[in-house]
N, C-alpha and C. Protein backbone atom coordinates (compact mmCIF):
# COMPACT_ATOMS: atom_id res chain seq x y z
N MET A 1 90.10 100.20 113.35
CA MET A 1 91.04 99.39 112.63
C MET A 1 92.25 99.37 113.35
N THR A 2 92.49 98.21 113.65
CA THR A 2 93.81 98.33 114.77
C THR A 2 94.97 97.19 114.08
N PRO A 3 96.10 97.28 114.34
CA PRO A 3 97.18 96.23 113.74
C PRO A 3 96.90 95.04 114.08
N GLU A 4 96.12 94.61 115.31
CA GLU A 4 95.88 93.38 115.53
C GLU A 4 94.58 92.87 114.56
N VAL A 5 93.85 93.42 114.11
CA VAL A 5 92.66 92.97 113.34
C VAL A 5 93.14 93.09 111.66
N LEU A 6 94.22 93.84 111.47
CA LEU A 6 94.76 93.69 110.05
C LEU A 6 95.52 92.47 110.15
N ALA A 7 96.10 91.93 110.95
CA ALA A 7 97.20 91.19 111.22
C ALA A 7 96.35 89.52 111.09
N ALA A 8 94.98 89.69 111.80
CA ALA A 8 94.16 88.68 111.42
C ALA A 8 93.45 88.63 110.14
N VAL A 9 93.42 89.50 109.35
CA VAL A 9 92.83 89.54 108.05
C VAL A 9 93.76 88.96 107.10
N LEU A 10 95.03 89.45 107.19
CA LEU A 10 96.29 88.75 106.22
C LEU A 10 96.39 87.70 106.46
N ALA A 11 96.38 87.09 107.66
CA ALA A 11 96.70 85.53 107.98
C ALA A 11 95.47 84.65 107.40
N ARG A 12 94.40 85.13 107.19
CA ARG A 12 93.59 84.24 106.84
C ARG A 12 93.65 84.25 105.03
N ILE A 13 94.49 84.96 104.31
CA ILE A 13 94.48 84.86 102.81
C ILE A 13 96.08 84.16 102.62
N PRO A 14 96.04 82.75 102.12
CA PRO A 14 97.24 82.10 101.92
C PRO A 14 98.16 82.95 100.63
N TYR A 15 97.28 83.53 99.71
CA TYR A 15 98.10 84.46 98.75
C TYR A 15 98.92 85.34 99.22
N VAL A 16 98.68 85.81 100.24
CA VAL A 16 99.44 87.01 101.03
C VAL A 16 100.67 86.70 101.13
N ALA A 17 100.70 85.32 101.96
CA ALA A 17 101.93 84.64 102.37
C ALA A 17 102.98 84.52 101.15
N HIS A 18 102.30 83.86 99.85
CA HIS A 18 102.90 83.70 98.80
C HIS A 18 103.71 84.84 98.15
N LEU A 19 102.76 85.91 98.26
CA LEU A 19 103.59 86.95 97.49
C LEU A 19 104.49 87.84 98.46
N GLY A 20 104.25 87.82 99.91
CA GLY A 20 104.88 88.21 100.84
C GLY A 20 104.51 90.00 101.10
N VAL A 21 102.93 89.68 100.78
CA VAL A 21 102.37 91.09 101.26
C VAL A 21 102.33 91.40 102.65
N ARG A 22 102.51 92.60 102.77
CA ARG A 22 102.23 93.06 104.19
C ARG A 22 101.44 94.41 104.10
N ALA A 23 100.87 94.91 105.15
CA ALA A 23 100.02 96.02 105.12
C ALA A 23 100.53 97.00 106.23
N GLU A 24 100.10 98.42 106.06
CA GLU A 24 100.60 99.33 107.00
C GLU A 24 99.27 100.33 107.16
N LEU A 25 99.29 100.67 108.49
CA LEU A 25 98.27 101.36 109.22
C LEU A 25 98.86 102.78 108.92
N HIS A 26 98.28 103.75 108.51
CA HIS A 26 98.58 105.00 108.81
C HIS A 26 97.21 105.98 109.05
N GLY A 27 97.16 106.24 110.13
CA GLY A 27 95.60 106.74 110.52
C GLY A 27 94.29 105.85 110.11
N ASP A 28 93.64 106.31 109.38
CA ASP A 28 92.58 105.54 108.97
C ASP A 28 92.75 104.95 107.53
N GLU A 29 94.01 105.06 107.14
CA GLU A 29 94.34 104.27 105.69
C GLU A 29 95.07 103.28 105.82
N MET A 30 94.73 102.30 105.07
CA MET A 30 95.78 101.24 104.94
C MET A 30 96.43 101.09 103.62
N THR A 31 97.82 100.90 103.67
CA THR A 31 98.41 100.79 102.52
C THR A 31 99.06 99.32 102.58
N ALA A 32 98.89 98.69 101.35
CA ALA A 32 99.40 97.30 101.13
C ALA A 32 100.97 97.48 100.60
N VAL A 33 101.77 96.54 100.68
CA VAL A 33 103.24 96.71 100.27
C VAL A 33 103.47 95.37 99.85
N LEU A 34 103.92 95.22 98.54
CA LEU A 34 104.27 94.07 97.69
C LEU A 34 105.86 94.27 97.73
N PRO A 35 106.60 93.54 98.72
CA PRO A 35 108.03 93.91 98.69
C PRO A 35 108.53 93.03 97.29
N TYR A 36 109.56 93.68 96.78
CA TYR A 36 110.06 92.94 95.37
C TYR A 36 111.00 91.56 95.88
N SER A 37 110.84 90.75 94.83
CA SER A 37 111.33 89.38 95.01
C SER A 37 111.58 88.80 93.60
N GLU A 38 112.77 88.20 93.48
CA GLU A 38 113.02 87.62 92.03
C GLU A 38 111.91 86.73 91.47
N HIS A 39 111.28 86.19 92.26
CA HIS A 39 110.22 85.27 91.81
C HIS A 39 108.87 85.91 91.23
N LEU A 40 108.81 87.25 91.41
CA LEU A 40 107.72 87.95 90.83
C LEU A 40 108.08 88.46 89.58
N ILE A 41 109.30 88.53 88.77
CA ILE A 41 109.40 89.11 87.77
C ILE A 41 108.67 88.05 86.59
N GLY A 42 107.96 88.74 85.34
CA GLY A 42 107.56 87.98 84.56
C GLY A 42 108.27 88.46 83.08
N ASN A 43 108.88 89.08 83.13
CA ASN A 43 109.71 89.35 81.69
C ASN A 43 111.39 89.81 82.24
N PRO A 44 112.03 88.94 82.28
CA PRO A 44 113.44 89.12 82.63
C PRO A 44 114.39 90.03 81.83
N MET A 45 113.64 90.13 80.59
CA MET A 45 114.60 91.05 79.56
C MET A 45 114.53 92.29 79.96
N LEU A 46 113.27 92.80 80.42
CA LEU A 46 113.02 94.52 80.86
C LEU A 46 113.76 94.77 82.29
N PRO A 47 113.83 94.09 83.41
CA PRO A 47 113.12 92.99 83.97
C PRO A 47 111.71 94.13 84.17
N ALA A 48 110.88 93.46 84.41
CA ALA A 48 109.29 93.98 84.75
C ALA A 48 108.54 92.80 85.73
N LEU A 49 107.93 93.17 86.59
CA LEU A 49 106.74 92.59 87.47
C LEU A 49 105.76 91.83 86.47
N HIS A 50 105.31 90.39 86.83
CA HIS A 50 104.39 89.83 86.17
C HIS A 50 102.94 90.51 86.23
N GLY A 51 102.52 90.73 85.18
CA GLY A 51 101.16 91.37 85.17
C GLY A 51 100.12 90.84 86.25
N GLY A 52 100.27 89.40 86.23
CA GLY A 52 99.10 88.65 86.92
C GLY A 52 99.53 88.90 88.56
N VAL A 53 100.78 89.30 88.99
CA VAL A 53 101.08 89.46 90.22
C VAL A 53 100.61 90.98 90.57
N ILE A 54 100.85 91.80 89.64
CA ILE A 54 100.39 93.19 90.06
C ILE A 54 98.64 93.08 90.08
N GLY A 55 98.32 92.54 88.96
CA GLY A 55 96.63 92.46 89.21
C GLY A 55 96.28 91.59 90.68
N GLY A 56 96.89 90.58 90.91
CA GLY A 56 96.48 89.81 91.91
C GLY A 56 96.75 90.46 93.46
N PHE A 57 97.91 91.43 93.45
CA PHE A 57 98.32 92.18 94.56
C PHE A 57 97.04 93.39 94.54
N MET A 58 96.75 93.85 93.45
CA MET A 58 95.74 94.98 93.60
C MET A 58 94.19 94.22 94.36
N GLU A 59 94.02 93.05 93.72
CA GLU A 59 92.77 92.41 94.17
C GLU A 59 92.82 91.94 95.50
N LEU A 60 93.94 91.71 96.33
CA LEU A 60 94.36 91.59 97.80
C LEU A 60 93.99 92.62 98.11
N THR A 61 94.43 93.71 97.86
CA THR A 61 94.40 95.04 98.45
C THR A 61 93.13 95.40 98.75
N ALA A 62 92.11 95.20 97.52
CA ALA A 62 90.71 95.55 97.85
C ALA A 62 89.97 94.70 98.69
N VAL A 63 90.44 93.19 98.95
CA VAL A 63 89.62 92.21 99.63
C VAL A 63 89.94 92.78 101.08
N ILE A 64 91.48 93.04 101.39
CA ILE A 64 91.86 93.47 102.75
C ILE A 64 90.96 94.84 103.27
N GLN A 65 91.12 95.63 102.32
CA GLN A 65 90.22 96.91 102.68
C GLN A 65 88.89 96.56 103.04
N LEU A 66 88.18 95.90 102.06
CA LEU A 66 86.59 95.48 102.47
C LEU A 66 86.72 94.80 103.77
N SER A 67 87.36 93.78 103.92
CA SER A 67 87.29 93.02 105.26
C SER A 67 87.30 93.79 106.39
N LEU A 68 88.47 95.01 106.12
CA LEU A 68 88.50 95.72 107.44
C LEU A 68 87.63 96.76 107.71
N GLN A 69 86.85 97.17 106.48
CA GLN A 69 85.75 98.31 106.63
C GLN A 69 84.50 97.25 107.08
N SER A 70 83.96 96.29 106.40
CA SER A 70 82.77 95.72 106.69
C SER A 70 82.68 94.73 107.73
N GLY A 71 83.82 94.13 107.88
CA GLY A 71 83.92 92.95 108.92
C GLY A 71 83.70 91.69 107.99
N ASP A 72 83.54 91.63 106.82
CA ASP A 72 82.84 90.92 106.08
C ASP A 72 84.25 89.78 105.79
N GLY A 73 84.39 88.62 106.40
CA GLY A 73 85.65 87.87 106.32
C GLY A 73 86.02 87.28 104.99
N ALA A 74 85.17 87.20 103.83
CA ALA A 74 85.52 86.80 102.61
C ALA A 74 84.98 87.45 101.58
N PRO A 75 84.79 88.57 101.37
CA PRO A 75 84.35 89.08 99.86
C PRO A 75 84.88 88.46 98.95
N LYS A 76 84.13 88.35 98.02
CA LYS A 76 84.54 87.36 96.55
C LYS A 76 84.39 88.44 95.38
N PRO A 77 85.35 88.29 94.67
CA PRO A 77 85.53 89.05 93.35
C PRO A 77 84.22 88.53 92.33
N ILE A 78 83.65 89.68 91.79
CA ILE A 78 82.50 89.31 90.97
C ILE A 78 82.86 89.67 89.39
N ASP A 79 83.54 91.08 89.63
CA ASP A 79 84.33 91.23 88.23
C ASP A 79 85.42 92.52 88.55
N VAL A 80 86.53 92.08 87.89
CA VAL A 80 87.39 93.14 88.20
C VAL A 80 88.03 93.46 86.59
N THR A 81 88.39 94.54 86.91
CA THR A 81 88.77 95.47 85.57
C THR A 81 90.39 95.88 86.00
N VAL A 82 91.56 95.40 85.33
CA VAL A 82 92.85 96.02 85.85
C VAL A 82 93.32 96.89 84.59
N GLU A 83 93.84 97.98 84.80
CA GLU A 83 94.54 99.09 84.03
C GLU A 83 96.08 98.99 84.11
N TYR A 84 96.73 98.47 82.97
CA TYR A 84 97.96 98.46 83.39
C TYR A 84 98.67 99.88 82.63
N LEU A 85 99.21 100.70 83.47
CA LEU A 85 99.51 101.88 83.14
C LEU A 85 101.08 101.97 83.01
N ARG A 86 101.67 101.35 83.47
CA ARG A 86 103.49 101.34 83.30
C ARG A 86 103.81 100.18 83.53
N SER A 87 105.09 99.80 83.22
CA SER A 87 105.63 98.57 83.65
C SER A 87 106.11 98.50 84.77
N GLY A 88 105.93 97.38 85.73
CA GLY A 88 106.25 97.35 87.12
C GLY A 88 107.77 97.07 87.30
N ARG A 89 108.67 97.97 87.74
CA ARG A 89 109.99 97.61 87.87
C ARG A 89 110.46 96.71 88.80
N PRO A 90 111.54 96.23 89.08
CA PRO A 90 112.18 95.13 90.23
C PRO A 90 112.51 96.25 91.35
N ARG A 91 111.16 96.63 92.11
CA ARG A 91 111.21 97.43 93.24
C ARG A 91 109.80 97.09 93.85
N ASP A 92 109.98 97.60 95.11
CA ASP A 92 108.61 97.51 96.05
C ASP A 92 107.42 98.18 95.46
N THR A 93 106.40 97.58 95.65
CA THR A 93 105.16 98.16 94.84
C THR A 93 104.35 98.59 96.24
N PHE A 94 103.18 99.76 96.00
CA PHE A 94 102.42 99.88 97.01
C PHE A 94 100.99 99.97 96.40
N ALA A 95 100.02 99.89 97.19
CA ALA A 95 98.62 99.94 96.78
C ALA A 95 97.68 100.60 97.84
N ARG A 96 96.85 101.35 97.48
CA ARG A 96 95.51 101.55 98.34
C ARG A 96 94.54 101.50 97.62
N ALA A 97 93.48 100.87 98.35
CA ALA A 97 92.12 100.84 97.98
C ALA A 97 91.19 102.00 98.50
N GLU A 98 90.18 102.18 97.69
CA GLU A 98 89.10 103.22 98.01
C GLU A 98 87.68 102.34 97.80
N VAL A 99 87.08 102.27 99.01
CA VAL A 99 85.62 101.48 98.72
C VAL A 99 84.50 102.56 98.72
N LYS A 100 84.26 102.46 97.01
CA LYS A 100 83.28 103.46 96.52
C LYS A 100 82.13 103.35 97.28
N LYS A 101 81.45 101.97 97.23
CA LYS A 101 80.05 102.13 97.55
C LYS A 101 79.75 100.58 98.15
N VAL A 102 79.26 100.29 99.41
CA VAL A 102 78.82 99.16 99.79
C VAL A 102 77.42 99.09 100.06
N GLY A 103 76.91 98.13 99.36
CA GLY A 103 75.24 97.83 99.31
C GLY A 103 75.23 96.70 100.47
N ARG A 104 74.01 96.04 100.35
CA ARG A 104 73.39 95.11 101.03
C ARG A 104 74.54 93.74 100.64
N ARG A 105 74.64 93.50 99.38
CA ARG A 105 75.29 92.42 98.95
C ARG A 105 76.55 92.70 98.10
N ILE A 106 76.70 93.98 97.37
CA ILE A 106 77.89 94.18 96.74
C ILE A 106 78.45 95.35 97.10
N ALA A 107 79.84 95.19 96.86
CA ALA A 107 80.57 96.54 97.09
C ALA A 107 81.41 96.69 95.84
N ASN A 108 81.60 98.30 95.83
CA ASN A 108 82.62 98.73 94.44
C ASN A 108 83.72 98.99 95.11
N VAL A 109 84.95 98.80 94.39
CA VAL A 109 86.28 99.59 95.13
C VAL A 109 87.13 99.63 93.74
N GLN A 110 88.01 100.51 94.32
CA GLN A 110 88.84 101.10 93.15
C GLN A 110 90.26 100.89 93.99
N VAL A 111 91.33 100.66 93.42
CA VAL A 111 92.54 100.45 93.94
C VAL A 111 93.69 101.14 92.86
N GLU A 112 94.69 101.79 93.58
CA GLU A 112 95.97 102.24 92.66
C GLU A 112 97.03 101.51 93.15
N ALA A 113 98.05 101.08 92.27
CA ALA A 113 99.40 100.66 92.57
C ALA A 113 100.23 101.49 91.81
N TRP A 114 101.23 101.85 93.09
CA TRP A 114 102.39 102.45 92.38
C TRP A 114 103.83 102.37 92.96
N GLN A 115 104.99 102.75 92.52
CA GLN A 115 106.23 102.30 92.86
C GLN A 115 106.72 103.55 93.47
N GLU A 116 107.54 104.32 92.33
CA GLU A 116 108.04 105.66 93.24
C GLU A 116 107.12 106.71 93.69
N ALA A 117 106.33 107.17 93.03
CA ALA A 117 105.29 108.19 93.29
C ALA A 117 103.83 107.71 93.34
N ARG A 118 103.04 108.28 94.47
CA ARG A 118 101.78 107.88 94.13
C ARG A 118 101.13 108.31 92.90
N ALA A 119 101.56 109.65 92.47
CA ALA A 119 100.92 110.34 91.61
C ALA A 119 101.29 109.94 90.20
N LYS A 120 102.17 108.65 90.18
CA LYS A 120 102.31 107.98 88.61
C LYS A 120 101.99 106.59 89.20
N PRO A 121 100.80 106.06 89.08
CA PRO A 121 100.30 104.61 89.21
C PRO A 121 100.89 103.98 88.07
N ILE A 122 101.45 102.68 88.65
CA ILE A 122 101.73 101.57 87.39
C ILE A 122 100.39 100.73 86.88
N ALA A 123 99.31 100.89 87.80
CA ALA A 123 97.95 100.17 87.53
C ALA A 123 97.16 100.51 88.56
N ALA A 124 95.76 100.17 87.77
CA ALA A 124 94.62 100.53 88.61
C ALA A 124 93.73 99.33 88.43
N LEU A 125 92.76 99.23 89.41
CA LEU A 125 91.79 98.42 89.69
C LEU A 125 90.47 98.60 89.81
N ARG A 126 89.29 98.28 89.06
CA ARG A 126 88.03 98.46 89.60
C ARG A 126 87.25 97.25 89.73
N GLY A 127 86.64 97.10 90.83
CA GLY A 127 85.93 95.57 91.02
C GLY A 127 84.76 95.48 91.92
N HIS A 128 83.77 94.70 91.46
CA HIS A 128 82.59 94.50 92.24
C HIS A 128 83.09 93.26 93.02
N PHE A 129 82.63 93.14 94.41
CA PHE A 129 82.74 92.06 95.32
C PHE A 129 81.48 91.71 95.94
N LEU A 130 81.09 90.51 96.02
CA LEU A 130 80.10 89.95 96.67
C LEU A 130 80.47 89.64 98.23
N LEU A 131 79.78 90.47 98.93
CA LEU A 131 79.85 90.31 100.42
C LEU A 131 79.28 89.11 101.10
N ALA A 132 79.25 88.63 102.24
CA ALA A 132 78.97 87.62 102.94
C ALA A 132 77.45 88.07 103.04
N ALA A 133 76.31 86.94 103.09
CA ALA A 133 74.90 87.23 103.41
C ALA A 133 74.94 87.66 104.91
N ARG A 134 74.11 88.92 105.08
CA ARG A 134 74.01 89.46 106.41
C ARG A 134 72.83 88.63 106.81
N THR A 135 72.92 88.39 108.21
CA THR A 135 71.68 87.74 108.88
C THR A 135 71.26 88.76 109.91
């Protein structure tokens, strides 16, 4: 996994640019970063990040990780479950995906998102993704 490959994967996903997501490589681990922006707020009274933004960010993290690991350019979500554990505060949010299993056509991925400390996740995602047909 190289920074160039990561940049190419990010460039293929339009929602990455809309949210302002970037990704960092640390050894063999990829951490996705959602920089705080005012347009991401869903509840201005708290204020808190919109739940759809958090869910979408974690789904992107899973897709990016799968693309990097499998070389599959367009994994598609089959089913995704998001657990919201804490309010996402108006600050940067981080996420890491762990690919649990890759079969011939389906991959199982888990993602955790956090803000201040990785040990205190704000949300978790579990999902199955359809991989491109292998020839």
